């Protein structure tokens, strides 16, 4: 982990700015991207969104989990409905080459 502040700035600070912008603009519903990494070392199959997400192993995942908790708080405090999508491997030109999908193609 070379630059933890980069994760904090791009995930926590930027997401807080997004939440505030939505609140100030009276957005009807915020849908945002999270990550499956919040599940940590869970190896149970099949995967389930009902599994605990309170022990992320990477700092990146911890900041994304913080986003989920902040979104939940904003929903409660300000009536801003939010939906977080926990993406797994995303395919496309910016996909990580070390992910399994790219190893088979």
N, C-alpha and C. Protein backbone atom coordinates (compact mmCIF):
# COMPACT_ATOMS: atom_id res chain seq x y z
N UNK A 1 0.86 -1.18 0.00
CA UNK A 1 0.00 0.00 0.00
C UNK A 1 0.90 1.23 0.00
N UNK A 2 1.05 1.82 -1.16
CA UNK A 2 1.97 2.95 -1.29
C UNK A 2 1.35 4.28 -0.92
N UNK A 3 0.10 4.48 -1.26
CA UNK A 3 -0.51 5.79 -1.06
C UNK A 3 -1.94 5.64 -0.54
N UNK A 4 -2.11 5.40 0.76
CA UNK A 4 -3.46 5.23 1.29
C UNK A 4 -4.33 6.48 1.14
N UNK A 5 -3.69 7.64 1.10
CA UNK A 5 -4.45 8.88 0.96
C UNK A 5 -5.18 8.94 -0.39
N UNK A 6 -4.63 8.30 -1.40
CA UNK A 6 -5.29 8.29 -2.71
C UNK A 6 -6.63 7.57 -2.62
N UNK A 7 -6.68 6.48 -1.87
CA UNK A 7 -7.95 5.77 -1.68
C UNK A 7 -8.94 6.60 -0.89
N UNK A 8 -8.46 7.26 0.14
CA UNK A 8 -9.33 8.10 0.97
C UNK A 8 -9.88 9.25 0.15
N UNK A 9 -9.02 9.91 -0.62
CA UNK A 9 -9.47 11.05 -1.44
C UNK A 9 -10.46 10.61 -2.52
N UNK A 10 -10.14 9.54 -3.24
CA UNK A 10 -10.98 9.15 -4.37
C UNK A 10 -12.24 8.40 -3.94
N UNK A 11 -12.20 7.73 -2.82
CA UNK A 11 -13.38 6.98 -2.39
C UNK A 11 -14.16 7.68 -1.29
N UNK A 12 -13.55 8.01 -0.19
CA UNK A 12 -14.30 8.56 0.93
C UNK A 12 -14.63 10.04 0.74
N UNK A 13 -13.63 10.86 0.45
CA UNK A 13 -13.88 12.30 0.29
C UNK A 13 -14.77 12.55 -0.93
N UNK A 14 -14.45 11.94 -2.05
CA UNK A 14 -15.25 12.15 -3.26
C UNK A 14 -16.68 11.64 -3.08
N UNK A 15 -16.84 10.51 -2.38
CA UNK A 15 -18.19 9.98 -2.17
C UNK A 15 -18.98 10.87 -1.22
N UNK A 16 -18.33 11.44 -0.22
CA UNK A 16 -19.00 12.39 0.66
C UNK A 16 -19.47 13.60 -0.14
N UNK A 17 -18.63 14.09 -1.04
CA UNK A 17 -19.03 15.20 -1.91
C UNK A 17 -20.24 14.83 -2.76
N UNK A 18 -20.25 13.59 -3.25
CA UNK A 18 -21.38 13.12 -4.06
C UNK A 18 -22.66 13.07 -3.22
N UNK A 19 -22.56 12.54 -2.01
CA UNK A 19 -23.73 12.48 -1.13
C UNK A 19 -24.26 13.88 -0.84
N UNK A 20 -23.37 14.81 -0.57
CA UNK A 20 -23.79 16.18 -0.29
C UNK A 20 -24.42 16.83 -1.52
N UNK A 21 -23.86 16.57 -2.70
CA UNK A 21 -24.44 17.12 -3.93
C UNK A 21 -25.83 16.55 -4.16
N UNK A 22 -26.01 15.26 -3.91
CA UNK A 22 -27.33 14.64 -4.07
C UNK A 22 -28.33 15.23 -3.08
N UNK A 23 -27.89 15.41 -1.86
CA UNK A 23 -28.77 15.97 -0.84
C UNK A 23 -29.17 17.40 -1.21
N UNK A 24 -28.21 18.20 -1.64
CA UNK A 24 -28.48 19.59 -1.99
C UNK A 24 -29.32 19.74 -3.25
N UNK A 25 -29.25 18.76 -4.13
CA UNK A 25 -29.99 18.81 -5.40
C UNK A 25 -31.30 18.05 -5.34
N UNK A 26 -31.59 17.48 -4.20
CA UNK A 26 -32.82 16.70 -4.01
C UNK A 26 -32.93 15.55 -5.01
N UNK A 27 -31.84 14.83 -5.19
CA UNK A 27 -31.83 13.65 -6.06
C UNK A 27 -32.80 12.63 -5.49
N UNK A 28 -33.57 11.98 -6.36
CA UNK A 28 -34.58 11.03 -5.90
C UNK A 28 -34.02 9.71 -5.41
N UNK A 29 -32.91 9.25 -6.00
CA UNK A 29 -32.32 7.96 -5.62
C UNK A 29 -30.89 7.92 -6.13
N UNK A 30 -29.96 7.57 -5.28
CA UNK A 30 -28.56 7.46 -5.67
C UNK A 30 -28.18 5.99 -5.80
N UNK A 31 -27.70 5.62 -6.98
CA UNK A 31 -27.14 4.29 -7.20
C UNK A 31 -25.64 4.48 -7.39
N UNK A 32 -24.85 3.71 -6.64
CA UNK A 32 -23.41 3.89 -6.66
C UNK A 32 -22.70 2.54 -6.75
N UNK A 33 -21.44 2.58 -7.16
CA UNK A 33 -20.63 1.37 -7.32
C UNK A 33 -19.84 1.09 -6.05
N UNK A 34 -19.95 -0.13 -5.58
CA UNK A 34 -19.10 -0.62 -4.50
C UNK A 34 -18.25 -1.74 -5.09
N UNK A 35 -17.88 -2.72 -4.30
CA UNK A 35 -17.03 -3.80 -4.79
C UNK A 35 -17.29 -5.08 -4.02
N UNK A 36 -17.13 -6.19 -4.68
CA UNK A 36 -17.26 -7.48 -4.00
C UNK A 36 -16.13 -7.70 -3.01
N UNK A 37 -15.08 -6.90 -3.10
CA UNK A 37 -13.95 -7.04 -2.18
C UNK A 37 -14.33 -6.76 -0.73
N UNK A 38 -15.49 -6.14 -0.50
CA UNK A 38 -15.91 -5.89 0.88
C UNK A 38 -16.18 -7.19 1.63
N UNK A 39 -16.36 -8.29 0.90
CA UNK A 39 -16.60 -9.58 1.55
C UNK A 39 -15.33 -10.19 2.13
N UNK A 40 -14.18 -9.64 1.82
CA UNK A 40 -12.92 -10.15 2.37
C UNK A 40 -12.60 -11.54 1.88
N UNK A 41 -12.20 -12.41 2.80
CA UNK A 41 -11.73 -13.75 2.44
C UNK A 41 -12.85 -14.78 2.42
N UNK A 42 -14.07 -14.37 2.27
CA UNK A 42 -15.19 -15.30 2.23
C UNK A 42 -15.01 -16.30 1.09
N UNK A 43 -15.06 -17.58 1.40
CA UNK A 43 -14.91 -18.62 0.38
C UNK A 43 -16.17 -19.47 0.24
N UNK A 44 -17.23 -19.12 0.96
CA UNK A 44 -18.47 -19.88 0.88
C UNK A 44 -19.07 -19.76 -0.51
N UNK A 45 -19.51 -20.88 -1.05
CA UNK A 45 -20.15 -20.90 -2.36
C UNK A 45 -21.53 -21.51 -2.22
N UNK A 46 -22.51 -21.04 -2.93
CA UNK A 46 -22.44 -19.89 -3.80
C UNK A 46 -22.33 -18.60 -2.99
N UNK A 47 -21.80 -17.58 -3.64
CA UNK A 47 -21.66 -16.29 -2.99
C UNK A 47 -23.04 -15.73 -2.68
N UNK A 48 -23.16 -15.01 -1.60
CA UNK A 48 -24.44 -14.42 -1.22
C UNK A 48 -24.21 -13.01 -0.69
N UNK A 49 -25.08 -12.10 -1.08
CA UNK A 49 -24.99 -10.73 -0.57
C UNK A 49 -25.34 -10.65 0.91
N UNK A 50 -25.83 -11.74 1.46
CA UNK A 50 -26.19 -11.77 2.88
C UNK A 50 -25.00 -12.14 3.76
N UNK A 51 -23.87 -12.46 3.17
CA UNK A 51 -22.66 -12.78 3.95
C UNK A 51 -22.13 -11.50 4.61
N UNK A 52 -21.44 -11.64 5.73
CA UNK A 52 -20.88 -10.45 6.39
C UNK A 52 -19.87 -9.73 5.49
N UNK A 53 -19.89 -8.42 5.57
CA UNK A 53 -18.95 -7.60 4.80
C UNK A 53 -18.21 -6.67 5.76
N UNK A 54 -17.90 -7.18 6.93
CA UNK A 54 -17.30 -6.32 7.95
C UNK A 54 -15.82 -6.59 8.21
N UNK A 55 -15.17 -7.38 7.34
CA UNK A 55 -13.74 -7.64 7.48
C UNK A 55 -13.03 -7.59 6.13
N UNK A 56 -13.07 -6.44 5.43
CA UNK A 56 -12.36 -6.36 4.16
C UNK A 56 -10.86 -6.51 4.38
N UNK A 57 -10.19 -7.14 3.42
CA UNK A 57 -8.75 -7.41 3.56
C UNK A 57 -7.87 -6.33 2.94
N UNK A 58 -8.37 -5.57 1.99
CA UNK A 58 -7.59 -4.52 1.35
C UNK A 58 -8.11 -3.15 1.82
N UNK A 59 -7.20 -2.18 1.82
CA UNK A 59 -7.58 -0.82 2.21
C UNK A 59 -8.63 -0.27 1.24
N UNK A 60 -8.46 -0.56 -0.05
CA UNK A 60 -9.45 -0.15 -1.05
C UNK A 60 -10.84 -0.65 -0.65
N UNK A 61 -10.94 -1.92 -0.30
CA UNK A 61 -12.23 -2.50 0.09
C UNK A 61 -12.78 -1.84 1.35
N UNK A 62 -11.90 -1.49 2.27
CA UNK A 62 -12.34 -0.82 3.50
C UNK A 62 -12.94 0.55 3.18
N UNK A 63 -12.35 1.27 2.22
CA UNK A 63 -12.92 2.58 1.87
C UNK A 63 -14.25 2.42 1.14
N UNK A 64 -14.38 1.37 0.34
CA UNK A 64 -15.67 1.14 -0.34
C UNK A 64 -16.74 0.73 0.67
N UNK A 65 -16.36 -0.05 1.68
CA UNK A 65 -17.32 -0.41 2.74
C UNK A 65 -17.72 0.84 3.52
N UNK A 66 -16.77 1.74 3.74
CA UNK A 66 -17.09 3.01 4.39
C UNK A 66 -18.13 3.78 3.57
N UNK A 67 -18.00 3.75 2.25
CA UNK A 67 -19.00 4.38 1.39
C UNK A 67 -20.39 3.79 1.63
N UNK A 68 -20.46 2.48 1.72
CA UNK A 68 -21.75 1.83 1.95
C UNK A 68 -22.36 2.29 3.27
N UNK A 69 -21.54 2.37 4.30
CA UNK A 69 -22.04 2.80 5.60
C UNK A 69 -22.46 4.27 5.59
N UNK A 70 -21.71 5.10 4.88
CA UNK A 70 -22.09 6.51 4.77
C UNK A 70 -23.40 6.65 3.99
N UNK A 71 -23.57 5.88 2.93
CA UNK A 71 -24.81 5.92 2.16
C UNK A 71 -25.99 5.52 3.04
N UNK A 72 -25.80 4.49 3.84
CA UNK A 72 -26.86 4.06 4.76
C UNK A 72 -27.21 5.18 5.74
N UNK A 73 -26.21 5.85 6.27
CA UNK A 73 -26.44 6.96 7.20
C UNK A 73 -27.19 8.10 6.53
N UNK A 74 -26.78 8.46 5.31
CA UNK A 74 -27.47 9.54 4.60
C UNK A 74 -28.92 9.16 4.31
N UNK A 75 -29.16 7.91 4.01
CA UNK A 75 -30.54 7.47 3.80
C UNK A 75 -31.37 7.70 5.05
N UNK A 76 -30.80 7.35 6.18
CA UNK A 76 -31.51 7.50 7.46
C UNK A 76 -31.64 8.98 7.86
N UNK A 77 -30.56 9.73 7.75
CA UNK A 77 -30.56 11.11 8.24
C UNK A 77 -31.32 12.07 7.33
N UNK A 78 -31.22 11.87 6.02
CA UNK A 78 -31.75 12.86 5.08
C UNK A 78 -32.81 12.32 4.13
N UNK A 79 -33.19 11.06 4.29
CA UNK A 79 -34.22 10.50 3.42
C UNK A 79 -33.77 10.31 1.98
N UNK A 80 -32.47 10.14 1.77
CA UNK A 80 -31.93 9.93 0.42
C UNK A 80 -31.84 8.43 0.16
N UNK A 81 -32.72 7.87 -0.65
CA UNK A 81 -32.62 6.45 -0.95
C UNK A 81 -31.33 6.16 -1.73
N UNK A 82 -30.64 5.10 -1.34
CA UNK A 82 -29.39 4.73 -2.00
C UNK A 82 -29.38 3.23 -2.28
N UNK A 83 -28.70 2.87 -3.35
CA UNK A 83 -28.48 1.47 -3.70
C UNK A 83 -27.03 1.32 -4.10
N UNK A 84 -26.32 0.43 -3.40
CA UNK A 84 -24.93 0.14 -3.74
C UNK A 84 -24.84 -1.17 -4.49
N UNK A 85 -24.10 -1.18 -5.57
CA UNK A 85 -23.90 -2.39 -6.38
C UNK A 85 -22.50 -2.91 -6.13
N UNK A 86 -22.39 -4.12 -5.61
CA UNK A 86 -21.09 -4.73 -5.31
C UNK A 86 -20.62 -5.52 -6.52
N UNK A 87 -19.93 -4.85 -7.41
CA UNK A 87 -19.45 -5.48 -8.64
C UNK A 87 -18.35 -6.48 -8.35
N UNK A 88 -18.36 -7.54 -9.12
CA UNK A 88 -17.27 -8.51 -9.10
C UNK A 88 -16.32 -8.11 -10.23
N UNK A 89 -15.79 -9.01 -11.00
CA UNK A 89 -14.89 -8.66 -12.08
C UNK A 89 -15.66 -7.92 -13.17
N UNK A 90 -15.21 -6.74 -13.48
CA UNK A 90 -15.84 -5.94 -14.52
C UNK A 90 -15.04 -6.13 -15.80
N UNK A 91 -15.72 -6.47 -16.87
CA UNK A 91 -15.06 -6.72 -18.15
C UNK A 91 -15.04 -5.45 -18.98
N UNK A 92 -13.94 -5.21 -19.65
CA UNK A 92 -13.85 -4.07 -20.54
C UNK A 92 -12.41 -3.65 -20.74
N UNK A 93 -12.19 -2.59 -21.49
CA UNK A 93 -10.83 -2.18 -21.83
C UNK A 93 -9.99 -1.77 -20.61
N UNK A 94 -10.62 -1.40 -19.52
CA UNK A 94 -9.89 -0.99 -18.32
C UNK A 94 -9.89 -2.09 -17.26
N UNK A 95 -10.28 -3.30 -17.63
CA UNK A 95 -10.28 -4.42 -16.69
C UNK A 95 -8.87 -4.79 -16.26
N UNK A 96 -8.75 -5.30 -15.06
CA UNK A 96 -7.44 -5.69 -14.53
C UNK A 96 -6.97 -6.97 -15.22
N UNK A 97 -5.77 -6.96 -15.81
CA UNK A 97 -5.28 -8.13 -16.55
C UNK A 97 -4.99 -9.33 -15.65
N UNK A 98 -4.89 -9.15 -14.35
CA UNK A 98 -4.60 -10.27 -13.44
C UNK A 98 -5.86 -10.99 -12.99
N UNK A 99 -7.02 -10.53 -13.38
CA UNK A 99 -8.27 -11.17 -12.97
C UNK A 99 -8.52 -12.42 -13.82
N UNK A 100 -9.22 -13.37 -13.24
CA UNK A 100 -9.42 -14.69 -13.87
C UNK A 100 -9.98 -14.60 -15.28
N UNK A 101 -10.93 -13.72 -15.50
CA UNK A 101 -11.57 -13.62 -16.81
C UNK A 101 -10.53 -13.39 -17.91
N UNK A 102 -9.55 -12.55 -17.64
CA UNK A 102 -8.55 -12.22 -18.65
C UNK A 102 -7.50 -13.32 -18.78
N UNK A 103 -7.35 -14.16 -17.77
CA UNK A 103 -6.39 -15.26 -17.85
C UNK A 103 -6.88 -16.36 -18.79
N UNK A 104 -8.19 -16.44 -19.00
CA UNK A 104 -8.77 -17.48 -19.85
C UNK A 104 -9.04 -17.00 -21.27
N UNK A 105 -8.85 -15.73 -21.52
CA UNK A 105 -9.16 -15.21 -22.86
C UNK A 105 -7.90 -14.91 -23.63
